[in-house]
N, C-alpha and C. Protein backbone atom coordinates (compact mmCIF):
# COMPACT_ATOMS: atom_id res chain seq x y z
N MET A 1 22.54 46.46 -23.27
CA MET A 1 21.45 45.67 -23.80
C MET A 1 20.26 46.60 -24.03
N ALA A 2 19.78 46.66 -25.24
CA ALA A 2 18.61 47.46 -25.57
C ALA A 2 17.35 46.61 -25.44
N ILE A 3 16.41 47.09 -24.67
CA ILE A 3 15.12 46.39 -24.52
C ILE A 3 14.11 47.10 -25.39
N GLU A 4 13.50 46.37 -26.28
CA GLU A 4 12.48 46.95 -27.15
C GLU A 4 11.16 46.23 -26.91
N LYS A 5 10.27 46.92 -26.20
CA LYS A 5 8.92 46.42 -25.96
C LYS A 5 7.96 47.58 -26.15
N GLU A 6 6.74 47.23 -26.48
CA GLU A 6 5.72 48.25 -26.62
C GLU A 6 5.38 48.87 -25.27
N HIS A 7 4.99 50.14 -25.29
CA HIS A 7 4.57 50.83 -24.07
C HIS A 7 3.15 50.40 -23.74
N LYS A 8 2.97 49.91 -22.52
CA LYS A 8 1.64 49.50 -22.05
C LYS A 8 1.46 50.04 -20.64
N GLU A 9 0.35 50.70 -20.40
CA GLU A 9 0.00 51.14 -19.05
C GLU A 9 -0.83 50.06 -18.39
N PHE A 10 -1.14 50.24 -17.12
CA PHE A 10 -1.95 49.25 -16.40
C PHE A 10 -3.25 48.99 -17.14
N TYR A 11 -3.55 47.72 -17.31
CA TYR A 11 -4.81 47.29 -17.91
C TYR A 11 -5.13 45.91 -17.33
N THR A 12 -6.37 45.55 -17.42
CA THR A 12 -6.79 44.24 -16.93
C THR A 12 -6.42 43.17 -17.96
N VAL A 13 -5.64 42.21 -17.54
CA VAL A 13 -5.26 41.10 -18.42
C VAL A 13 -6.42 40.12 -18.49
N ASP A 14 -6.85 39.80 -19.70
CA ASP A 14 -7.92 38.83 -19.91
C ASP A 14 -7.33 37.43 -19.76
N MET A 15 -7.59 36.79 -18.63
CA MET A 15 -7.02 35.48 -18.35
C MET A 15 -7.74 34.35 -19.10
N ASN A 16 -8.75 34.69 -19.90
CA ASN A 16 -9.51 33.68 -20.63
C ASN A 16 -9.21 33.65 -22.12
N SER A 17 -8.33 34.52 -22.60
CA SER A 17 -8.05 34.53 -24.04
C SER A 17 -6.56 34.73 -24.31
N GLY A 18 -6.18 34.40 -25.53
CA GLY A 18 -4.80 34.61 -25.97
C GLY A 18 -3.84 33.50 -25.58
N TRP A 19 -4.36 32.37 -25.16
CA TRP A 19 -3.50 31.26 -24.74
C TRP A 19 -3.23 30.32 -25.91
N GLU A 20 -1.99 29.80 -25.98
CA GLU A 20 -1.61 28.84 -27.01
C GLU A 20 -0.53 27.92 -26.46
N THR A 21 -0.46 26.72 -26.98
CA THR A 21 0.60 25.80 -26.59
C THR A 21 1.88 26.19 -27.33
N PRO A 22 2.96 26.48 -26.60
CA PRO A 22 4.21 26.84 -27.28
C PRO A 22 4.76 25.65 -28.06
N PRO A 23 5.47 25.91 -29.15
CA PRO A 23 6.07 24.81 -29.92
C PRO A 23 6.96 23.94 -29.04
N GLY A 24 6.81 22.62 -29.16
CA GLY A 24 7.63 21.69 -28.41
C GLY A 24 7.12 21.35 -27.02
N TYR A 25 6.04 21.98 -26.58
CA TYR A 25 5.48 21.71 -25.26
C TYR A 25 4.31 20.74 -25.39
N PRO A 26 4.05 19.94 -24.35
CA PRO A 26 2.89 19.03 -24.41
C PRO A 26 1.58 19.79 -24.24
N LYS A 27 0.49 19.19 -24.71
CA LYS A 27 -0.84 19.74 -24.50
C LYS A 27 -1.07 19.89 -22.99
N GLY A 28 -1.68 20.99 -22.60
CA GLY A 28 -1.91 21.26 -21.18
C GLY A 28 -0.96 22.28 -20.61
N ILE A 29 0.04 22.69 -21.40
CA ILE A 29 0.92 23.80 -21.03
C ILE A 29 0.69 24.89 -22.07
N GLU A 30 0.33 26.08 -21.61
CA GLU A 30 -0.02 27.16 -22.53
C GLU A 30 0.66 28.47 -22.12
N GLN A 31 0.93 29.29 -23.13
CA GLN A 31 1.49 30.61 -22.88
C GLN A 31 0.52 31.70 -23.31
N GLN A 32 0.67 32.85 -22.66
CA GLN A 32 -0.07 34.06 -23.01
C GLN A 32 0.98 35.18 -23.04
N ILE A 33 1.28 35.69 -24.23
CA ILE A 33 2.28 36.74 -24.36
C ILE A 33 1.69 38.06 -23.85
N LEU A 34 2.40 38.70 -22.93
CA LEU A 34 1.96 39.97 -22.37
C LEU A 34 2.61 41.16 -23.08
N ALA A 35 3.88 41.03 -23.44
CA ALA A 35 4.59 42.12 -24.11
C ALA A 35 5.83 41.57 -24.80
N GLY A 36 6.21 42.24 -25.90
CA GLY A 36 7.45 41.92 -26.58
C GLY A 36 7.36 40.73 -27.50
N THR A 37 8.48 40.45 -28.14
CA THR A 37 8.63 39.28 -29.01
C THR A 37 10.03 38.73 -28.81
N LEU A 38 10.15 37.44 -28.96
CA LEU A 38 11.44 36.77 -28.86
C LEU A 38 11.65 36.00 -30.15
N ASP A 39 12.68 36.34 -30.89
CA ASP A 39 13.00 35.68 -32.15
C ASP A 39 14.18 34.75 -31.90
N GLU A 40 13.89 33.48 -31.66
CA GLU A 40 14.94 32.52 -31.33
C GLU A 40 15.85 32.23 -32.52
N ALA A 41 15.32 32.28 -33.73
CA ALA A 41 16.14 32.03 -34.91
C ALA A 41 17.19 33.13 -35.11
N ALA A 42 16.77 34.39 -34.91
CA ALA A 42 17.68 35.53 -35.07
C ALA A 42 18.42 35.86 -33.78
N LYS A 43 18.07 35.18 -32.69
CA LYS A 43 18.68 35.38 -31.38
C LYS A 43 18.60 36.84 -30.93
N LYS A 44 17.35 37.36 -30.97
CA LYS A 44 17.16 38.74 -30.52
C LYS A 44 15.75 38.90 -29.94
N GLY A 45 15.60 39.96 -29.18
CA GLY A 45 14.31 40.31 -28.63
C GLY A 45 14.14 39.94 -27.18
N CYS A 46 12.95 40.22 -26.69
CA CYS A 46 12.59 39.91 -25.31
C CYS A 46 11.07 39.79 -25.23
N ARG A 47 10.60 39.04 -24.25
CA ARG A 47 9.16 38.90 -24.08
C ARG A 47 8.85 38.67 -22.61
N THR A 48 7.65 39.05 -22.25
CA THR A 48 7.08 38.74 -20.95
C THR A 48 5.84 37.91 -21.22
N ARG A 49 5.72 36.79 -20.51
CA ARG A 49 4.58 35.92 -20.78
C ARG A 49 4.09 35.27 -19.49
N HIS A 50 2.85 34.83 -19.53
CA HIS A 50 2.33 33.88 -18.57
C HIS A 50 2.55 32.51 -19.16
N LEU A 51 2.85 31.54 -18.32
CA LEU A 51 2.89 30.14 -18.72
C LEU A 51 2.08 29.39 -17.67
N ARG A 52 1.13 28.59 -18.13
CA ARG A 52 0.32 27.84 -17.16
C ARG A 52 0.34 26.36 -17.50
N PHE A 53 0.30 25.57 -16.43
CA PHE A 53 0.22 24.12 -16.50
C PHE A 53 -1.15 23.71 -16.02
N GLN A 54 -1.82 22.84 -16.73
CA GLN A 54 -3.04 22.22 -16.23
C GLN A 54 -2.65 21.17 -15.19
N PRO A 55 -3.53 20.80 -14.28
CA PRO A 55 -3.19 19.79 -13.28
C PRO A 55 -2.72 18.48 -13.90
N GLY A 56 -1.64 17.94 -13.33
CA GLY A 56 -1.12 16.64 -13.76
C GLY A 56 -0.22 16.66 -14.98
N VAL A 57 -0.05 17.80 -15.62
CA VAL A 57 0.77 17.86 -16.83
C VAL A 57 2.25 17.90 -16.46
N TYR A 58 3.07 17.25 -17.29
CA TYR A 58 4.51 17.28 -17.04
C TYR A 58 5.29 17.19 -18.35
N THR A 59 6.53 17.68 -18.29
CA THR A 59 7.46 17.52 -19.41
C THR A 59 8.36 16.34 -19.07
N THR A 60 9.08 15.84 -20.07
CA THR A 60 9.83 14.60 -19.88
C THR A 60 11.35 14.74 -20.00
N ALA A 61 11.83 15.90 -20.42
CA ALA A 61 13.28 16.07 -20.60
C ALA A 61 13.66 17.49 -20.19
N PRO A 62 14.92 17.68 -19.77
CA PRO A 62 15.38 19.02 -19.43
C PRO A 62 15.35 19.96 -20.65
N PHE A 63 15.20 21.25 -20.37
CA PHE A 63 15.24 22.30 -21.39
C PHE A 63 16.59 23.00 -21.33
N LYS A 64 17.00 23.59 -22.45
CA LYS A 64 18.18 24.46 -22.49
C LYS A 64 17.95 25.41 -23.65
N HIS A 65 18.16 26.71 -23.41
CA HIS A 65 18.00 27.70 -24.47
C HIS A 65 19.07 28.76 -24.36
N ASP A 66 19.19 29.58 -25.40
CA ASP A 66 20.30 30.53 -25.47
C ASP A 66 19.92 31.96 -25.08
N TYR A 67 18.87 32.13 -24.29
CA TYR A 67 18.46 33.44 -23.79
C TYR A 67 18.31 33.37 -22.27
N TRP A 68 18.34 34.53 -21.64
CA TRP A 68 18.08 34.64 -20.21
C TRP A 68 16.61 34.32 -19.93
N GLU A 69 16.37 33.75 -18.76
CA GLU A 69 15.00 33.45 -18.36
C GLU A 69 14.83 33.75 -16.87
N GLU A 70 13.80 34.54 -16.57
CA GLU A 70 13.40 34.78 -15.19
C GLU A 70 12.00 34.24 -15.03
N VAL A 71 11.78 33.47 -13.96
CA VAL A 71 10.49 32.80 -13.74
C VAL A 71 10.02 33.05 -12.32
N TYR A 72 8.78 33.52 -12.19
CA TYR A 72 8.15 33.74 -10.89
C TYR A 72 6.89 32.89 -10.82
N LEU A 73 6.81 32.01 -9.82
CA LEU A 73 5.64 31.15 -9.64
C LEU A 73 4.56 31.94 -8.90
N VAL A 74 3.52 32.32 -9.64
CA VAL A 74 2.45 33.16 -9.10
C VAL A 74 1.50 32.35 -8.24
N SER A 75 1.05 31.20 -8.75
CA SER A 75 0.09 30.38 -8.01
C SER A 75 0.25 28.92 -8.38
N GLY A 76 -0.22 28.05 -7.48
CA GLY A 76 -0.16 26.62 -7.73
C GLY A 76 1.15 26.01 -7.28
N ASP A 77 1.46 24.83 -7.84
CA ASP A 77 2.69 24.12 -7.49
C ASP A 77 3.46 23.78 -8.76
N LEU A 78 4.77 23.76 -8.64
CA LEU A 78 5.64 23.38 -9.75
C LEU A 78 6.72 22.47 -9.19
N THR A 79 6.85 21.28 -9.79
CA THR A 79 7.89 20.35 -9.41
C THR A 79 8.98 20.41 -10.47
N VAL A 80 10.23 20.48 -10.02
CA VAL A 80 11.38 20.57 -10.91
C VAL A 80 12.21 19.30 -10.76
N GLY A 81 12.56 18.69 -11.88
CA GLY A 81 13.45 17.54 -11.87
C GLY A 81 12.76 16.19 -11.81
N ASN A 82 11.49 16.12 -12.23
CA ASN A 82 10.81 14.82 -12.30
C ASN A 82 11.43 13.96 -13.39
N ASP A 83 11.12 12.67 -13.37
CA ASP A 83 11.63 11.78 -14.41
C ASP A 83 10.69 11.78 -15.61
N ALA A 84 11.00 10.96 -16.61
CA ALA A 84 10.21 10.92 -17.85
C ALA A 84 8.78 10.43 -17.64
N ASN A 85 8.50 9.82 -16.49
CA ASN A 85 7.15 9.37 -16.17
C ASN A 85 6.41 10.34 -15.24
N GLY A 86 7.03 11.47 -14.93
CA GLY A 86 6.40 12.46 -14.07
C GLY A 86 6.59 12.21 -12.59
N ASN A 87 7.50 11.30 -12.23
CA ASN A 87 7.72 10.97 -10.82
C ASN A 87 8.95 11.69 -10.27
N GLY A 88 8.92 11.98 -8.95
CA GLY A 88 10.07 12.57 -8.28
C GLY A 88 10.19 14.06 -8.51
N GLY A 89 11.35 14.61 -8.16
CA GLY A 89 11.61 16.03 -8.30
C GLY A 89 11.37 16.79 -7.01
N GLU A 90 11.64 18.09 -7.05
CA GLU A 90 11.47 18.98 -5.90
C GLU A 90 10.32 19.93 -6.16
N SER A 91 9.37 19.99 -5.23
CA SER A 91 8.17 20.81 -5.41
C SER A 91 8.35 22.21 -4.83
N PHE A 92 7.81 23.20 -5.55
CA PHE A 92 7.86 24.60 -5.11
C PHE A 92 6.45 25.17 -5.13
N GLY A 93 6.22 26.17 -4.28
CA GLY A 93 4.93 26.82 -4.19
C GLY A 93 5.00 28.27 -4.62
N PRO A 94 3.89 29.00 -4.47
CA PRO A 94 3.82 30.40 -4.88
C PRO A 94 4.93 31.26 -4.24
N ASN A 95 5.25 32.33 -4.95
CA ASN A 95 6.24 33.31 -4.51
C ASN A 95 7.65 32.74 -4.48
N THR A 96 7.93 31.82 -5.43
CA THR A 96 9.29 31.35 -5.62
C THR A 96 9.76 31.82 -7.00
N TYR A 97 11.07 31.94 -7.17
CA TYR A 97 11.65 32.63 -8.32
C TYR A 97 12.90 31.91 -8.78
N ALA A 98 13.14 31.95 -10.09
CA ALA A 98 14.38 31.44 -10.68
C ALA A 98 14.88 32.44 -11.71
N CYS A 99 16.21 32.56 -11.82
CA CYS A 99 16.84 33.38 -12.86
C CYS A 99 17.93 32.51 -13.48
N ARG A 100 17.79 32.24 -14.78
CA ARG A 100 18.70 31.31 -15.45
C ARG A 100 19.47 31.99 -16.57
N PRO A 101 20.80 31.92 -16.54
CA PRO A 101 21.60 32.42 -17.66
C PRO A 101 21.42 31.53 -18.89
N PRO A 102 21.75 32.05 -20.07
CA PRO A 102 21.68 31.24 -21.28
C PRO A 102 22.49 29.94 -21.12
N GLY A 103 21.96 28.85 -21.68
CA GLY A 103 22.66 27.57 -21.68
C GLY A 103 22.48 26.73 -20.43
N THR A 104 21.67 27.20 -19.47
CA THR A 104 21.47 26.46 -18.22
C THR A 104 20.42 25.37 -18.40
N PRO A 105 20.79 24.09 -18.19
CA PRO A 105 19.77 23.03 -18.26
C PRO A 105 18.80 23.19 -17.08
N HIS A 106 17.51 22.98 -17.32
CA HIS A 106 16.50 23.06 -16.27
C HIS A 106 15.31 22.19 -16.63
N GLY A 107 14.63 21.70 -15.58
CA GLY A 107 13.51 20.80 -15.78
C GLY A 107 13.97 19.36 -15.67
N PRO A 108 13.11 18.43 -16.08
CA PRO A 108 11.73 18.57 -16.51
C PRO A 108 10.86 19.16 -15.40
N PHE A 109 9.61 19.50 -15.78
CA PHE A 109 8.68 20.15 -14.87
C PHE A 109 7.34 19.42 -14.85
N LYS A 110 6.66 19.53 -13.72
CA LYS A 110 5.29 19.03 -13.63
C LYS A 110 4.54 19.87 -12.62
N SER A 111 3.21 19.79 -12.67
CA SER A 111 2.37 20.44 -11.68
C SER A 111 1.24 19.50 -11.30
N GLU A 112 1.12 19.24 -10.02
CA GLU A 112 0.06 18.36 -9.52
C GLU A 112 -1.31 19.03 -9.61
N THR A 113 -1.39 20.29 -9.17
CA THR A 113 -2.68 20.99 -9.08
C THR A 113 -2.86 22.06 -10.15
N GLY A 114 -1.83 22.26 -10.99
CA GLY A 114 -1.84 23.35 -11.96
C GLY A 114 -1.08 24.53 -11.40
N CYS A 115 -0.56 25.38 -12.28
CA CYS A 115 0.16 26.54 -11.79
C CYS A 115 0.15 27.65 -12.85
N LEU A 116 0.47 28.85 -12.38
CA LEU A 116 0.61 30.02 -13.24
C LEU A 116 1.97 30.63 -12.98
N LEU A 117 2.76 30.79 -14.04
CA LEU A 117 4.09 31.39 -13.97
C LEU A 117 4.10 32.71 -14.72
N LEU A 118 4.92 33.65 -14.25
CA LEU A 118 5.23 34.86 -15.00
C LEU A 118 6.68 34.73 -15.42
N GLU A 119 6.94 34.80 -16.73
CA GLU A 119 8.29 34.60 -17.25
C GLU A 119 8.74 35.80 -18.07
N ILE A 120 10.02 36.11 -17.95
CA ILE A 120 10.66 37.15 -18.77
C ILE A 120 11.84 36.49 -19.46
N HIS A 121 11.88 36.59 -20.79
CA HIS A 121 12.95 36.00 -21.60
C HIS A 121 13.63 37.12 -22.39
N TYR A 122 14.96 37.07 -22.48
CA TYR A 122 15.66 38.11 -23.24
C TYR A 122 17.04 37.66 -23.66
N TYR A 123 17.46 38.17 -24.81
CA TYR A 123 18.82 38.01 -25.29
C TYR A 123 19.63 39.19 -24.79
N ASP A 124 20.88 38.93 -24.43
CA ASP A 124 21.76 39.95 -23.89
C ASP A 124 22.95 40.10 -24.82
N HIS A 125 22.86 41.05 -25.74
CA HIS A 125 23.95 41.30 -26.69
C HIS A 125 24.57 42.65 -26.39
N ASP A 126 25.88 42.69 -26.39
CA ASP A 126 26.60 43.96 -26.15
C ASP A 126 26.52 44.85 -27.37
């Protein structure tokens, strides 16, 4: 697997700019791309991003995608497996991690107090 990302040395990440709502996500969930690009249509590339939830925001259906995903919960709380009304599920706190192979259903998700995730997404082609 060839990883193609730009070379970046240590720098201070501006946590106040570069945020956008990813396509298909509800308002209150935003991403900040740190490095790389992921082309889902061409099924290639890799990216590292922050994903943040504002307090009380939730998704309503499980996700499934065709790339690898690694997720590290940096701060806040994240509930996995809530229903379409945002109820139920299992809550996780900081310093928890998930690694999902392509095609793995996951979610829905919610955050009571808000959270910050660090995510790495990549296609694995021989």
